[in-house]
């Protein structure tokens, strides 16, 4: 009898933990494209869960150099704004990234968070980024 109760409690705890944990509170992503220092087209909003999760995964692969200050010679190619929901009914927290794409397939990125700063993306990450934002 004790084993059955222990198993039920263990299963109940696993269900409770799985149900309470969210993969992300990232709700949507806005993307702006620039060419020759000019905004091209309109802001695109990515809200489909699969696309949001794919883009979030790309950003976890960025190699960050916190505290590094850089100055770029031109305007970014892409500006991405992440919208995080902290609490239901409260304003979202925004996180902005500016991305410079290079002909060799890599990218440089500047994040506004203290633990980010300047970062780089591999060719694979850039390819995944382009799949989602195009």
C-alpha atoms as a PDB file:
ATOM      1  CA  UNK A   1       0.000   0.000   0.000  1.00  0.00           C
ATOM      2  CA  UNK A   2       2.816   2.403   0.868  1.00  0.00           C
ATOM      3  CA  UNK A   3       4.511   1.740  -2.473  1.00  0.00           C
ATOM      4  CA  UNK A   4       1.315   2.596  -4.348  1.00  0.00           C
ATOM      5  CA  UNK A   5       0.930   5.855  -2.427  1.00  0.00           C
ATOM      6  CA  UNK A   6       4.589   6.716  -3.001  1.00  0.00           C
ATOM      7  CA  UNK A   7       4.235   6.047  -6.749  1.00  0.00           C
ATOM      8  CA  UNK A   8       1.066   8.134  -6.950  1.00  0.00           C
ATOM      9  CA  UNK A   9       2.769  10.988  -5.133  1.00  0.00           C
ATOM     10  CA  UNK A  10       5.806  10.765  -7.417  1.00  0.00           C
ATOM     11  CA  UNK A  11       3.631  10.796 -10.545  1.00  0.00           C
ATOM     12  CA  UNK A  12       1.584  13.669  -9.128  1.00  0.00           C
ATOM     13  CA  UNK A  13       4.724  15.704  -8.426  1.00  0.00           C
ATOM     14  CA  UNK A  14       6.056  15.114 -11.942  1.00  0.00           C
ATOM     15  CA  UNK A  15       2.750  16.237 -13.456  1.00  0.00           C
ATOM     16  CA  UNK A  16       2.684  19.289 -11.199  1.00  0.00           C
ATOM     17  CA  UNK A  17       6.257  20.267 -12.071  1.00  0.00           C
ATOM     18  CA  UNK A  18       5.698  19.759 -15.797  1.00  0.00           C
ATOM     19  CA  UNK A  19       2.453  21.720 -15.713  1.00  0.00           C
ATOM     20  CA  UNK A  20       3.880  24.653 -13.779  1.00  0.00           C
ATOM     21  CA  UNK A  21       7.091  25.108 -15.722  1.00  0.00           C
ATOM     22  CA  UNK A  22       6.973  27.164 -18.879  1.00  0.00           C
ATOM     23  CA  UNK A  23       9.565  26.823 -21.580  1.00  0.00           C
ATOM     24  CA  UNK A  24       9.642  30.565 -22.047  1.00  0.00           C
ATOM     25  CA  UNK A  25       7.758  33.713 -21.263  1.00  0.00           C
ATOM     26  CA  UNK A  26       8.769  35.094 -24.651  1.00  0.00           C
ATOM     27  CA  UNK A  27       5.450  35.950 -26.304  1.00  0.00           C
ATOM     28  CA  UNK A  28       6.403  37.535 -29.613  1.00  0.00           C
ATOM     29  CA  UNK A  29       9.261  39.046 -31.617  1.00  0.00           C
ATOM     30  CA  UNK A  30       9.290  42.148 -33.817  1.00  0.00           C
ATOM     31  CA  UNK A  31      11.735  42.244 -36.728  1.00  0.00           C
ATOM     32  CA  UNK A  32      12.824  45.324 -38.687  1.00  0.00           C
ATOM     33  CA  UNK A  33      15.107  45.214 -41.738  1.00  0.00           C
ATOM     34  CA  UNK A  34      17.419  48.002 -42.840  1.00  0.00           C
ATOM     35  CA  UNK A  35      19.210  48.753 -46.099  1.00  0.00           C
ATOM     36  CA  UNK A  36      21.461  51.758 -46.594  1.00  0.00           C
ATOM     37  CA  UNK A  37      20.456  53.195 -43.196  1.00  0.00           C
ATOM     38  CA  UNK A  38      16.752  53.074 -44.132  1.00  0.00           C
ATOM     39  CA  UNK A  39      13.986  50.898 -42.727  1.00  0.00           C
ATOM     40  CA  UNK A  40      12.828  48.505 -45.454  1.00  0.00           C
ATOM     41  CA  UNK A  41       9.154  47.549 -45.409  1.00  0.00           C
ATOM     42  CA  UNK A  42       7.135  47.300 -42.246  1.00  0.00           C
ATOM     43  CA  UNK A  43       7.885  45.740 -38.901  1.00  0.00           C
ATOM     44  CA  UNK A  44       7.148  42.013 -39.004  1.00  0.00           C
ATOM     45  CA  UNK A  45       5.733  40.418 -35.863  1.00  0.00           C
ATOM     46  CA  UNK A  46       6.550  36.764 -35.213  1.00  0.00           C
ATOM     47  CA  UNK A  47       4.011  35.245 -32.836  1.00  0.00           C
ATOM     48  CA  UNK A  48       3.737  31.583 -33.863  1.00  0.00           C
ATOM     49  CA  UNK A  49       5.081  29.541 -30.968  1.00  0.00           C
ATOM     50  CA  UNK A  50       7.295  27.340 -33.173  1.00  0.00           C
ATOM     51  CA  UNK A  51       8.957  30.347 -34.808  1.00  0.00           C
ATOM     52  CA  UNK A  52       9.380  32.194 -31.497  1.00  0.00           C
ATOM     53  CA  UNK A  53      11.010  29.139 -29.935  1.00  0.00           C
ATOM     54  CA  UNK A  54      13.273  28.630 -32.977  1.00  0.00           C
ATOM     55  CA  UNK A  55      14.475  32.232 -32.844  1.00  0.00           C
ATOM     56  CA  UNK A  56      14.956  32.068 -29.093  1.00  0.00           C
ATOM     57  CA  UNK A  57      17.124  28.963 -29.604  1.00  0.00           C
ATOM     58  CA  UNK A  58      19.247  30.823 -32.155  1.00  0.00           C
ATOM     59  CA  UNK A  59      19.924  33.566 -29.616  1.00  0.00           C
ATOM     60  CA  UNK A  60      21.029  31.060 -26.975  1.00  0.00           C
ATOM     61  CA  UNK A  61      23.863  30.103 -29.350  1.00  0.00           C
ATOM     62  CA  UNK A  62      25.313  33.624 -29.573  1.00  0.00           C
ATOM     63  CA  UNK A  63      28.856  33.888 -28.231  1.00  0.00           C
ATOM     64  CA  UNK A  64      28.677  36.966 -25.976  1.00  0.00           C
ATOM     65  CA  UNK A  65      31.508  39.209 -24.802  1.00  0.00           C
ATOM     66  CA  UNK A  66      29.898  41.083 -21.879  1.00  0.00           C
ATOM     67  CA  UNK A  67      31.090  44.602 -21.241  1.00  0.00           C
ATOM     68  CA  UNK A  68      32.593  44.989 -24.710  1.00  0.00           C
ATOM     69  CA  UNK A  69      31.788  48.354 -26.281  1.00  0.00           C
ATOM     70  CA  UNK A  70      31.780  48.428 -30.075  1.00  0.00           C
ATOM     71  CA  UNK A  71      31.021  51.018 -32.688  1.00  0.00           C
ATOM     72  CA  UNK A  72      29.806  49.851 -36.065  1.00  0.00           C
ATOM     73  CA  UNK A  73      30.487  51.718 -39.301  1.00  0.00           C
ATOM     74  CA  UNK A  74      26.949  51.312 -40.607  1.00  0.00           C
ATOM     75  CA  UNK A  75      23.389  50.822 -39.430  1.00  0.00           C
ATOM     76  CA  UNK A  76      22.374  47.296 -38.485  1.00  0.00           C
ATOM     77  CA  UNK A  77      20.840  45.007 -41.117  1.00  0.00           C
ATOM     78  CA  UNK A  78      18.206  43.656 -38.742  1.00  0.00           C
ATOM     79  CA  UNK A  79      16.759  44.866 -35.453  1.00  0.00           C
ATOM     80  CA  UNK A  80      14.962  42.272 -33.339  1.00  0.00           C
ATOM     81  CA  UNK A  81      12.834  43.082 -30.286  1.00  0.00           C
ATOM     82  CA  UNK A  82      11.845  40.275 -27.900  1.00  0.00           C
ATOM     83  CA  UNK A  83       8.654  40.763 -25.849  1.00  0.00           C
ATOM     84  CA  UNK A  84       8.663  38.951 -22.503  1.00  0.00           C
ATOM     85  CA  UNK A  85       5.556  38.644 -20.368  1.00  0.00           C
ATOM     86  CA  UNK A  86       6.526  38.907 -16.708  1.00  0.00           C
ATOM     87  CA  UNK A  87       3.027  38.840 -15.202  1.00  0.00           C
ATOM     88  CA  UNK A  88      -0.406  38.573 -16.787  1.00  0.00           C
ATOM     89  CA  UNK A  89      -1.934  42.004 -17.251  1.00  0.00           C
ATOM     90  CA  UNK A  90       1.369  43.831 -16.715  1.00  0.00           C
ATOM     91  CA  UNK A  91       3.519  45.585 -19.347  1.00  0.00           C
ATOM     92  CA  UNK A  92       5.917  43.378 -21.261  1.00  0.00           C
ATOM     93  CA  UNK A  93       9.689  43.577 -20.831  1.00  0.00           C
ATOM     94  CA  UNK A  94      11.480  44.371 -24.089  1.00  0.00           C
ATOM     95  CA  UNK A  95      14.907  43.181 -25.135  1.00  0.00           C
ATOM     96  CA  UNK A  96      16.436  44.680 -28.294  1.00  0.00           C
ATOM     97  CA  UNK A  97      19.149  43.193 -30.482  1.00  0.00           C
ATOM     98  CA  UNK A  98      20.868  44.863 -33.447  1.00  0.00           C
ATOM     99  CA  UNK A  99      22.368  42.469 -35.997  1.00  0.00           C
ATOM    100  CA  UNK A 100      24.926  43.035 -38.738  1.00  0.00           C
ATOM    101  CA  UNK A 101      25.006  40.258 -41.372  1.00  0.00           C
ATOM    102  CA  UNK A 102      28.233  39.572 -43.270  1.00  0.00           C
ATOM    103  CA  UNK A 103      28.823  38.178 -46.752  1.00  0.00           C
ATOM    104  CA  UNK A 104      30.817  35.262 -45.328  1.00  0.00           C
ATOM    105  CA  UNK A 105      27.623  34.062 -43.606  1.00  0.00           C
ATOM    106  CA  UNK A 106      28.386  35.122 -40.042  1.00  0.00           C
ATOM    107  CA  UNK A 107      26.879  37.952 -38.024  1.00  0.00           C
ATOM    108  CA  UNK A 108      27.719  40.382 -35.266  1.00  0.00           C
ATOM    109  CA  UNK A 109      25.129  41.321 -32.706  1.00  0.00           C
ATOM    110  CA  UNK A 110      24.758  43.947 -30.013  1.00  0.00           C
ATOM    111  CA  UNK A 111      22.426  43.254 -27.106  1.00  0.00           C
ATOM    112  CA  UNK A 112      21.368  45.806 -24.536  1.00  0.00           C
ATOM    113  CA  UNK A 113      21.596  43.559 -21.474  1.00  0.00           C
ATOM    114  CA  UNK A 114      24.647  43.821 -19.184  1.00  0.00           C
ATOM    115  CA  UNK A 115      25.450  40.121 -19.517  1.00  0.00           C
ATOM    116  CA  UNK A 116      25.392  40.358 -23.324  1.00  0.00           C
ATOM    117  CA  UNK A 117      27.041  43.384 -24.918  1.00  0.00           C
ATOM    118  CA  UNK A 118      28.760  42.319 -28.145  1.00  0.00           C
ATOM    119  CA  UNK A 119      28.307  38.883 -29.667  1.00  0.00           C
ATOM    120  CA  UNK A 120      28.853  36.816 -32.764  1.00  0.00           C
ATOM    121  CA  UNK A 121      26.744  34.231 -34.562  1.00  0.00           C
ATOM    122  CA  UNK A 122      28.011  31.219 -36.473  1.00  0.00           C
ATOM    123  CA  UNK A 123      26.980  30.456 -40.039  1.00  0.00           C
ATOM    124  CA  UNK A 124      24.573  27.793 -38.784  1.00  0.00           C
ATOM    125  CA  UNK A 125      22.892  30.237 -36.392  1.00  0.00           C
ATOM    126  CA  UNK A 126      22.642  32.882 -39.108  1.00  0.00           C
ATOM    127  CA  UNK A 127      21.018  30.356 -41.450  1.00  0.00           C
ATOM    128  CA  UNK A 128      18.448  29.475 -38.778  1.00  0.00           C
ATOM    129  CA  UNK A 129      17.860  33.179 -38.092  1.00  0.00           C
ATOM    130  CA  UNK A 130      17.236  33.866 -41.778  1.00  0.00           C
ATOM    131  CA  UNK A 131      14.774  30.942 -42.043  1.00  0.00           C
ATOM    132  CA  UNK A 132      12.630  32.404 -39.294  1.00  0.00           C
ATOM    133  CA  UNK A 133      12.746  36.099 -40.164  1.00  0.00           C
ATOM    134  CA  UNK A 134      12.277  35.825 -43.923  1.00  0.00           C
END
